[in-house]
Amino acid sequence: MDREKRLVLVDMKGSRTNFYVSPSAGSEEPLSPFSRVRGPARTARPSGSETFFNSGLVGFLAAAAGGKETEGHARFVAAYTAILAEALGLMDRRTLGGLERGALLHDIGKAGVPAAILNKPGPLTSVEREIVREHPVLGHRMIEGLGFLEEAGDIILCHHEWFDGSGYPRGLSGRDIPLPARIFALADTLDAVTSDRPYRRGRRFEDAFREIERASGVQFDPDIVRVFLSVPADAWRKAKTGVRFSNLLPSVN
């Protein structure tokens, strides 16, 4: 286990919580990105048999990584990721399935972060921030060996990488960041800006569009931003409404 490390958190009560962390950045083989981004293409939505909302996976995520708020966020970003993937012309079923599962399970690694840190009401210490930043690597290790989640790994591991190289956990830049993670990054920000949080109200989609455009070339791939901005605003609104409606219905496997 020389390539692995174990972090120990001593919480405010003095109790020790050990949790596993997978190999540190730089110890693995380089990731292989998908082929370059294709131009925008308008295509039909998937049929019912190819639906993006798999209740079993959503339940797995909710149980492992934080409950209803996490589940709701995952379902919104899965819907947005699907729309953007289609706009980019990515219609292969395996690719789309991997994008869906990666979006639903992107924060699964937070299941390995102590609740005392995730639920801390005040600012995190520098050590606690470093622990939280391990969650993509933790999540990737959690799904290793699960064949049906193999295509989800790029999003789980790389969803906090930035196009300019300032992200984590590996500091990848440009097209060294796998395409699924570059697509997901925009969907994640779209939901973050437009959803209510305990400390603020969600803003309009137009506000999110402006934020994403400003971060083009810094946080996001400019080619994907261009395609993202070509999608009508109503498509995002309808997707959000659809997810909200589906949340009111009983889960069906």
C-alpha atoms as a PDB file:
ATOM      1  CA  MET A   1       0.000   0.000   0.000  1.00  0.00           C
ATOM      2  CA  ASP A   2       2.936   2.314  -0.629  1.00  0.00           C
ATOM      3  CA  ARG A   3       0.899   4.244  -3.226  1.00  0.00           C
ATOM      4  CA  GLU A   4      -1.907   4.899  -0.803  1.00  0.00           C
ATOM      5  CA  LYS A   5      -2.279   7.222   2.104  1.00  0.00           C
ATOM      6  CA  ARG A   6      -4.558   7.562   5.084  1.00  0.00           C
ATOM      7  CA  LEU A   7      -5.700  10.873   6.489  1.00  0.00           C
ATOM      8  CA  VAL A   8      -6.657  11.197  10.121  1.00  0.00           C
ATOM      9  CA  LEU A   9      -8.974  13.914  11.328  1.00  0.00           C
ATOM     10  CA  VAL A  10      -9.017  14.794  14.996  1.00  0.00           C
ATOM     11  CA  ASP A  11     -12.338  16.514  15.454  1.00  0.00           C
ATOM     12  CA  MET A  12     -13.243  19.158  17.989  1.00  0.00           C
ATOM     13  CA  LYS A  13     -14.226  16.526  20.541  1.00  0.00           C
ATOM     14  CA  GLY A  14     -10.887  14.807  20.263  1.00  0.00           C
ATOM     15  CA  SER A  15     -12.198  11.655  18.613  1.00  0.00           C
ATOM     16  CA  ARG A  16     -10.232  10.237  15.725  1.00  0.00           C
ATOM     17  CA  THR A  17     -11.873   9.470  12.387  1.00  0.00           C
ATOM     18  CA  ASN A  18      -9.868   7.486   9.832  1.00  0.00           C
ATOM     19  CA  PHE A  19     -10.914   7.419   6.227  1.00  0.00           C
ATOM     20  CA  TYR A  20      -9.353   5.938   3.144  1.00  0.00           C
ATOM     21  CA  VAL A  21      -7.858   8.061   0.357  1.00  0.00           C
ATOM     22  CA  SER A  22      -6.802   6.610  -2.979  1.00  0.00           C
ATOM     23  CA  PRO A  23      -3.430   7.192  -4.679  1.00  0.00           C
ATOM     24  CA  SER A  24      -2.273  10.791  -4.624  1.00  0.00           C
ATOM     25  CA  ALA A  25      -2.238  12.986  -7.728  1.00  0.00           C
ATOM     26  CA  GLY A  26       0.449  12.163 -10.223  1.00  0.00           C
ATOM     27  CA  SER A  27       0.832   8.500  -9.265  1.00  0.00           C
ATOM     28  CA  GLU A  28      -1.546   7.206 -11.915  1.00  0.00           C
ATOM     29  CA  GLU A  29      -1.321   6.904 -15.674  1.00  0.00           C
ATOM     30  CA  PRO A  30      -2.518   9.992 -17.591  1.00  0.00           C
ATOM     31  CA  LEU A  31      -6.200  10.060 -18.437  1.00  0.00           C
ATOM     32  CA  SER A  32      -7.183   9.796 -22.074  1.00  0.00           C
ATOM     33  CA  PRO A  33      -9.669  12.482 -23.143  1.00  0.00           C
ATOM     34  CA  PHE A  34     -12.384  11.738 -25.658  1.00  0.00           C
ATOM     35  CA  SER A  35     -11.945  12.965 -29.199  1.00  0.00           C
ATOM     36  CA  ARG A  36     -12.243  16.699 -29.800  1.00  0.00           C
ATOM     37  CA  VAL A  37     -15.554  18.454 -29.363  1.00  0.00           C
ATOM     38  CA  ARG A  38     -17.883  18.335 -32.305  1.00  0.00           C
ATOM     39  CA  GLY A  39     -20.069  21.207 -33.365  1.00  0.00           C
ATOM     40  CA  PRO A  40     -23.650  21.780 -32.158  1.00  0.00           C
ATOM     41  CA  ALA A  41     -26.288  19.423 -33.415  1.00  0.00           C
ATOM     42  CA  ARG A  42     -29.995  19.321 -32.680  1.00  0.00           C
ATOM     43  CA  THR A  43     -31.147  15.769 -32.074  1.00  0.00           C
ATOM     44  CA  ALA A  44     -34.152  13.949 -30.665  1.00  0.00           C
ATOM     45  CA  ARG A  45     -34.372  13.203 -26.964  1.00  0.00           C
ATOM     46  CA  PRO A  46     -33.662   9.584 -25.939  1.00  0.00           C
ATOM     47  CA  SER A  47     -36.537   7.144 -25.860  1.00  0.00           C
ATOM     48  CA  GLY A  48     -38.022   5.893 -22.606  1.00  0.00           C
ATOM     49  CA  SER A  49     -35.772   2.839 -22.675  1.00  0.00           C
ATOM     50  CA  GLU A  50     -32.754   5.176 -22.730  1.00  0.00           C
ATOM     51  CA  THR A  51     -33.976   7.546 -20.035  1.00  0.00           C
ATOM     52  CA  PHE A  52     -31.301   9.337 -18.063  1.00  0.00           C
ATOM     53  CA  PHE A  53     -32.916   9.009 -14.652  1.00  0.00           C
ATOM     54  CA  ASN A  54     -32.036   5.640 -13.160  1.00  0.00           C
ATOM     55  CA  SER A  55     -33.745   5.482  -9.784  1.00  0.00           C
ATOM     56  CA  GLY A  56     -31.391   2.789  -8.510  1.00  0.00           C
ATOM     57  CA  LEU A  57     -28.350   4.969  -9.067  1.00  0.00           C
ATOM     58  CA  VAL A  58     -30.064   8.021  -7.612  1.00  0.00           C
ATOM     59  CA  GLY A  59     -30.919   6.036  -4.510  1.00  0.00           C
ATOM     60  CA  PHE A  60     -27.352   4.779  -4.268  1.00  0.00           C
ATOM     61  CA  LEU A  61     -26.048   8.341  -4.450  1.00  0.00           C
ATOM     62  CA  ALA A  62     -28.572   9.679  -1.924  1.00  0.00           C
ATOM     63  CA  ALA A  63     -27.742   6.947   0.561  1.00  0.00           C
ATOM     64  CA  ALA A  64     -23.976   7.250   0.146  1.00  0.00           C
ATOM     65  CA  ALA A  65     -23.355  10.950  -0.306  1.00  0.00           C
ATOM     66  CA  GLY A  66     -25.721  13.168   1.550  1.00  0.00           C
ATOM     67  CA  GLY A  67     -29.479  12.685   1.222  1.00  0.00           C
ATOM     68  CA  LYS A  68     -32.203  14.602  -0.591  1.00  0.00           C
ATOM     69  CA  GLU A  69     -30.337  17.853  -1.300  1.00  0.00           C
ATOM     70  CA  THR A  70     -27.480  15.938  -2.931  1.00  0.00           C
ATOM     71  CA  GLU A  71     -29.948  13.749  -4.817  1.00  0.00           C
ATOM     72  CA  GLY A  72     -31.813  16.768  -6.208  1.00  0.00           C
ATOM     73  CA  HIS A  73     -28.601  18.422  -7.363  1.00  0.00           C
ATOM     74  CA  ALA A  74     -27.454  15.203  -9.025  1.00  0.00           C
ATOM     75  CA  ARG A  75     -30.677  14.842 -10.974  1.00  0.00           C
ATOM     76  CA  PHE A  76     -30.587  18.446 -12.198  1.00  0.00           C
ATOM     77  CA  VAL A  77     -26.989  18.187 -13.393  1.00  0.00           C
ATOM     78  CA  ALA A  78     -27.707  14.834 -15.063  1.00  0.00           C
ATOM     79  CA  ALA A  79     -30.493  16.466 -17.078  1.00  0.00           C
ATOM     80  CA  TYR A  80     -28.351  19.464 -18.035  1.00  0.00           C
ATOM     81  CA  THR A  81     -25.411  17.224 -18.952  1.00  0.00           C
ATOM     82  CA  ALA A  82     -27.670  15.224 -21.285  1.00  0.00           C
ATOM     83  CA  ILE A  83     -28.861  18.366 -23.073  1.00  0.00           C
ATOM     84  CA  LEU A  84     -25.346  19.672 -23.550  1.00  0.00           C
ATOM     85  CA  ALA A  85     -24.037  16.301 -24.734  1.00  0.00           C
ATOM     86  CA  GLU A  86     -26.738  16.181 -27.389  1.00  0.00           C
ATOM     87  CA  ALA A  87     -25.951  19.731 -28.485  1.00  0.00           C
ATOM     88  CA  LEU A  88     -22.346  18.593 -28.945  1.00  0.00           C
ATOM     89  CA  GLY A  89     -23.514  15.713 -31.119  1.00  0.00           C
ATOM     90  CA  LEU A  90     -22.669  12.954 -28.636  1.00  0.00           C
ATOM     91  CA  MET A  91     -25.413  10.387 -29.129  1.00  0.00           C
ATOM     92  CA  ASP A  92     -23.625   7.056 -28.602  1.00  0.00           C
ATOM     93  CA  ARG A  93     -25.575   5.151 -25.938  1.00  0.00           C
ATOM     94  CA  ARG A  94     -22.497   4.066 -24.011  1.00  0.00           C
ATOM     95  CA  THR A  95     -21.130   7.604 -23.921  1.00  0.00           C
ATOM     96  CA  LEU A  96     -24.460   9.046 -22.846  1.00  0.00           C
ATOM     97  CA  GLY A  97     -24.911   6.375 -20.186  1.00  0.00           C
ATOM     98  CA  GLY A  98     -21.478   7.157 -18.770  1.00  0.00           C
ATOM     99  CA  LEU A  99     -22.271  10.860 -18.699  1.00  0.00           C
ATOM    100  CA  GLU A 100     -25.533  10.187 -16.880  1.00  0.00           C
ATOM    101  CA  ARG A 101     -23.989   7.960 -14.249  1.00  0.00           C
ATOM    102  CA  GLY A 102     -21.003  10.253 -13.779  1.00  0.00           C
ATOM    103  CA  ALA A 103     -23.314  13.226 -13.250  1.00  0.00           C
ATOM    104  CA  LEU A 104     -25.477  11.322 -10.772  1.00  0.00           C
ATOM    105  CA  LEU A 105     -22.487  10.032  -8.822  1.00  0.00           C
ATOM    106  CA  HIS A 106     -20.007  12.898  -9.194  1.00  0.00           C
ATOM    107  CA  ASP A 107     -19.833  13.574  -5.448  1.00  0.00           C
ATOM    108  CA  ILE A 108     -19.976   9.952  -4.296  1.00  0.00           C
ATOM    109  CA  GLY A 109     -16.511  10.383  -2.775  1.00  0.00           C
ATOM    110  CA  LYS A 110     -17.950  12.703  -0.144  1.00  0.00           C
ATOM    111  CA  ALA A 111     -19.261   9.550   1.511  1.00  0.00           C
ATOM    112  CA  GLY A 112     -15.676   9.068   2.676  1.00  0.00           C
ATOM    113  CA  VAL A 113     -15.301  12.558   4.127  1.00  0.00           C
ATOM    114  CA  PRO A 114     -16.222  12.896   7.815  1.00  0.00           C
ATOM    115  CA  ALA A 115     -19.669  14.371   8.377  1.00  0.00           C
ATOM    116  CA  ALA A 116     -18.152  16.739  10.926  1.00  0.00           C
ATOM    117  CA  ILE A 117     -16.388  18.449   8.027  1.00  0.00           C
ATOM    118  CA  LEU A 118     -19.162  18.292   5.420  1.00  0.00           C
ATOM    119  CA  ASN A 119     -21.742  19.666   7.863  1.00  0.00           C
ATOM    120  CA  LYS A 120     -19.502  22.170   9.632  1.00  0.00           C
ATOM    121  CA  PRO A 121     -21.466  25.453   9.986  1.00  0.00           C
ATOM    122  CA  GLY A 122     -18.432  27.732   9.944  1.00  0.00           C
ATOM    123  CA  PRO A 123     -15.378  28.113   7.680  1.00  0.00           C
ATOM    124  CA  LEU A 124     -13.176  25.076   7.147  1.00  0.00           C
ATOM    125  CA  THR A 125      -9.579  25.012   8.289  1.00  0.00           C
ATOM    126  CA  SER A 126      -6.836  24.546   5.696  1.00  0.00           C
ATOM    127  CA  VAL A 127      -6.502  20.895   6.686  1.00  0.00           C
ATOM    128  CA  GLU A 128     -10.248  20.340   6.395  1.00  0.00           C
ATOM    129  CA  ARG A 129     -10.282  21.955   2.954  1.00  0.00           C
ATOM    130  CA  GLU A 130      -7.541  19.600   1.817  1.00  0.00           C
ATOM    131  CA  ILE A 131      -9.560  16.649   3.097  1.00  0.00           C
ATOM    132  CA  VAL A 132     -12.651  17.758   1.166  1.00  0.00           C
ATOM    133  CA  ARG A 133     -10.532  18.195  -1.960  1.00  0.00           C
ATOM    134  CA  GLU A 134      -9.718  14.483  -1.821  1.00  0.00           C
ATOM    135  CA  HIS A 135     -13.329  13.502  -2.587  1.00  0.00           C
ATOM    136  CA  PRO A 136     -12.879  13.113  -6.378  1.00  0.00           C
ATOM    137  CA  VAL A 137     -10.033  10.637  -5.815  1.00  0.00           C
ATOM    138  CA  LEU A 138     -11.984   8.838  -3.110  1.00  0.00           C
ATOM    139  CA  GLY A 139     -15.005   8.581  -5.392  1.00  0.00           C
ATOM    140  CA  HIS A 140     -12.958   7.237  -8.261  1.00  0.00           C
ATOM    141  CA  ARG A 141     -11.474   4.532  -6.052  1.00  0.00           C
ATOM    142  CA  MET A 142     -14.957   3.605  -4.821  1.00  0.00           C
ATOM    143  CA  ILE A 143     -16.189   2.769  -8.322  1.00  0.00           C
ATOM    144  CA  GLU A 144     -13.036   1.041  -9.558  1.00  0.00           C
ATOM    145  CA  GLY A 145     -13.759  -2.512 -10.617  1.00  0.00           C
ATOM    146  CA  LEU A 146     -17.478  -1.843 -11.168  1.00  0.00           C
ATOM    147  CA  GLY A 147     -17.761  -2.357 -14.904  1.00  0.00           C
ATOM    148  CA  PHE A 148     -21.119  -0.647 -15.303  1.00  0.00           C
ATOM    149  CA  LEU A 149     -19.644   2.529 -13.769  1.00  0.00           C
ATOM    150  CA  GLU A 150     -16.385   2.529 -15.743  1.00  0.00           C
ATOM    151  CA  GLU A 151     -17.591   5.253 -18.124  1.00  0.00           C
ATOM    152  CA  ALA A 152     -18.588   7.437 -15.156  1.00  0.00           C
ATOM    153  CA  GLY A 153     -15.051   7.601 -13.790  1.00  0.00           C
ATOM    154  CA  ASP A 154     -13.863  10.621 -15.784  1.00  0.00           C
ATOM    155  CA  ILE A 155     -16.531  12.876 -14.280  1.00  0.00           C
ATOM    156  CA  ILE A 156     -16.126  11.518 -10.760  1.00  0.00           C
ATOM    157  CA  LEU A 157     -12.356  12.021 -10.799  1.00  0.00           C
ATOM    158  CA  CYS A 158     -12.064  15.226 -12.845  1.00  0.00           C
ATOM    159  CA  HIS A 159     -15.173  17.325 -12.159  1.00  0.00           C
ATOM    160  CA  HIS A 160     -13.153  19.942 -10.231  1.00  0.00           C
ATOM    161  CA  GLU A 161     -10.416  20.356 -12.852  1.00  0.00           C
ATOM    162  CA  TRP A 162     -10.297  23.779 -14.532  1.00  0.00           C
ATOM    163  CA  PHE A 163      -9.448  24.458 -18.156  1.00  0.00           C
ATOM    164  CA  ASP A 164      -6.554  26.742 -17.160  1.00  0.00           C
ATOM    165  CA  GLY A 165      -4.995  24.066 -14.940  1.00  0.00           C
ATOM    166  CA  SER A 166      -5.864  25.617 -11.577  1.00  0.00           C
ATOM    167  CA  GLY A 167      -8.328  22.919 -10.507  1.00  0.00           C
ATOM    168  CA  TYR A 168      -7.871  19.691  -8.554  1.00  0.00           C
ATOM    169  CA  PRO A 169      -7.040  16.916  -7.779  1.00  0.00           C
ATOM    170  CA  ARG A 170      -4.454  16.616 -10.576  1.00  0.00           C
ATOM    171  CA  GLY A 171      -4.155  20.129 -11.996  1.00  0.00           C
ATOM    172  CA  LEU A 172      -5.058  18.987 -15.522  1.00  0.00           C
ATOM    173  CA  SER A 173      -5.569  21.662 -18.170  1.00  0.00           C
ATOM    174  CA  GLY A 174      -7.148  22.068 -21.582  1.00  0.00           C
ATOM    175  CA  ARG A 175      -7.991  18.872 -23.420  1.00  0.00           C
ATOM    176  CA  ASP A 176      -6.003  16.793 -20.961  1.00  0.00           C
ATOM    177  CA  ILE A 177      -9.216  17.046 -18.940  1.00  0.00           C
ATOM    178  CA  PRO A 178     -11.499  14.253 -20.226  1.00  0.00           C
ATOM    179  CA  LEU A 179     -14.372  15.523 -22.350  1.00  0.00           C
ATOM    180  CA  PRO A 180     -17.102  14.178 -20.007  1.00  0.00           C
ATOM    181  CA  ALA A 181     -15.683  16.257 -17.149  1.00  0.00           C
ATOM    182  CA  ARG A 182     -15.431  19.351 -19.351  1.00  0.00           C
ATOM    183  CA  ILE A 183     -19.098  18.945 -20.318  1.00  0.00           C
ATOM    184  CA  PHE A 184     -20.216  18.257 -16.766  1.00  0.00           C
ATOM    185  CA  ALA A 185     -18.442  21.358 -15.412  1.00  0.00           C
ATOM    186  CA  LEU A 186     -20.894  23.656 -17.210  1.00  0.00           C
ATOM    187  CA  ALA A 187     -23.941  21.652 -16.107  1.00  0.00           C
ATOM    188  CA  ASP A 188     -22.719  21.728 -12.514  1.00  0.00           C
ATOM    189  CA  THR A 189     -22.271  25.499 -12.549  1.00  0.00           C
ATOM    190  CA  LEU A 190     -25.642  26.024 -14.225  1.00  0.00           C
ATOM    191  CA  ASP A 191     -27.363  24.224 -11.362  1.00  0.00           C
ATOM    192  CA  ALA A 192     -25.205  25.874  -8.691  1.00  0.00           C
ATOM    193  CA  VAL A 193     -26.178  29.358  -9.873  1.00  0.00           C
ATOM    194  CA  THR A 194     -29.885  28.694 -10.460  1.00  0.00           C
ATOM    195  CA  SER A 195     -30.726  26.564  -7.399  1.00  0.00           C
ATOM    196  CA  ASP A 196     -31.646  27.760  -3.925  1.00  0.00           C
ATOM    197  CA  ARG A 197     -29.104  27.225  -1.180  1.00  0.00           C
ATOM    198  CA  PRO A 198     -29.518  27.716   2.589  1.00  0.00           C
ATOM    199  CA  TYR A 199     -27.462  30.912   2.403  1.00  0.00           C
ATOM    200  CA  ARG A 200     -28.931  32.439  -0.815  1.00  0.00           C
ATOM    201  CA  ARG A 201     -31.696  32.274  -3.377  1.00  0.00           C
ATOM    202  CA  GLY A 202     -31.097  30.781  -6.790  1.00  0.00           C
ATOM    203  CA  ARG A 203     -30.607  33.256  -9.607  1.00  0.00           C
ATOM    204  CA  ARG A 204     -31.956  33.392 -13.158  1.00  0.00           C
ATOM    205  CA  PHE A 205     -30.653  31.215 -15.962  1.00  0.00           C
ATOM    206  CA  GLU A 206     -29.498  34.375 -17.728  1.00  0.00           C
ATOM    207  CA  ASP A 207     -27.231  35.115 -14.757  1.00  0.00           C
ATOM    208  CA  ALA A 208     -25.723  31.649 -15.049  1.00  0.00           C
ATOM    209  CA  PHE A 209     -25.140  32.119 -18.774  1.00  0.00           C
ATOM    210  CA  ARG A 210     -23.170  35.300 -18.103  1.00  0.00           C
ATOM    211  CA  GLU A 211     -21.072  33.661 -15.384  1.00  0.00           C
ATOM    212  CA  ILE A 212     -20.227  30.720 -17.605  1.00  0.00           C
ATOM    213  CA  GLU A 213     -19.337  33.002 -20.506  1.00  0.00           C
ATOM    214  CA  ARG A 214     -17.023  35.065 -18.262  1.00  0.00           C
ATOM    215  CA  ALA A 215     -15.244  31.881 -17.124  1.00  0.00           C
ATOM    216  CA  SER A 216     -14.683  30.635 -20.688  1.00  0.00           C
ATOM    217  CA  GLY A 217     -11.029  29.665 -21.106  1.00  0.00           C
ATOM    218  CA  VAL A 218     -10.448  29.808 -17.356  1.00  0.00           C
ATOM    219  CA  GLN A 219     -12.801  27.287 -15.761  1.00  0.00           C
ATOM    220  CA  PHE A 220     -14.468  26.012 -18.916  1.00  0.00           C
ATOM    221  CA  ASP A 221     -13.543  24.797 -22.400  1.00  0.00           C
ATOM    222  CA  PRO A 222     -14.331  27.710 -24.776  1.00  0.00           C
ATOM    223  CA  ASP A 223     -15.606  25.355 -27.499  1.00  0.00           C
ATOM    224  CA  ILE A 224     -18.097  23.796 -25.110  1.00  0.00           C
ATOM    225  CA  VAL A 225     -19.137  27.222 -23.816  1.00  0.00           C
ATOM    226  CA  ARG A 226     -19.906  28.279 -27.379  1.00  0.00           C
ATOM    227  CA  VAL A 227     -22.172  25.272 -27.889  1.00  0.00           C
ATOM    228  CA  PHE A 228     -23.727  25.712 -24.436  1.00  0.00           C
ATOM    229  CA  LEU A 229     -24.706  29.303 -25.236  1.00  0.00           C
ATOM    230  CA  SER A 230     -26.331  28.159 -28.487  1.00  0.00           C
ATOM    231  CA  VAL A 231     -28.892  26.063 -26.575  1.00  0.00           C
ATOM    232  CA  PRO A 232     -32.184  27.972 -26.108  1.00  0.00           C
ATOM    233  CA  ALA A 233     -32.808  29.047 -22.518  1.00  0.00           C
ATOM    234  CA  ASP A 234     -36.192  27.315 -22.589  1.00  0.00           C
ATOM    235  CA  ALA A 235     -34.485  23.943 -22.976  1.00  0.00           C
ATOM    236  CA  TRP A 236     -32.765  24.367 -19.602  1.00  0.00           C
ATOM    237  CA  ARG A 237     -35.958  25.640 -17.945  1.00  0.00           C
ATOM    238  CA  LYS A 238     -38.011  22.724 -19.253  1.00  0.00           C
ATOM    239  CA  ALA A 239     -35.388  20.267 -18.031  1.00  0.00           C
ATOM    240  CA  LYS A 240     -35.495  21.763 -14.549  1.00  0.00           C
ATOM    241  CA  THR A 241     -39.294  21.633 -14.493  1.00  0.00           C
ATOM    242  CA  GLY A 242     -39.200  18.015 -15.661  1.00  0.00           C
ATOM    243  CA  VAL A 243     -36.838  16.999 -12.864  1.00  0.00           C
ATOM    244  CA  ARG A 244     -38.954  18.774 -10.264  1.00  0.00           C
ATOM    245  CA  PHE A 245     -42.054  16.969 -11.525  1.00  0.00           C
ATOM    246  CA  SER A 246     -40.299  13.599 -11.536  1.00  0.00           C
ATOM    247  CA  ASN A 247     -39.225  14.176  -7.920  1.00  0.00           C
ATOM    248  CA  LEU A 248     -42.918  14.193  -6.979  1.00  0.00           C
ATOM    249  CA  LEU A 249     -43.451  10.729  -8.462  1.00  0.00           C
ATOM    250  CA  PRO A 250     -42.571   7.408  -6.804  1.00  0.00           C
ATOM    251  CA  SER A 251     -39.287   5.863  -7.947  1.00  0.00           C
ATOM    252  CA  VAL A 252     -39.615   2.973 -10.399  1.00  0.00           C
ATOM    253  CA  ASN A 253     -36.688   0.709 -11.205  1.00  0.00           C
END
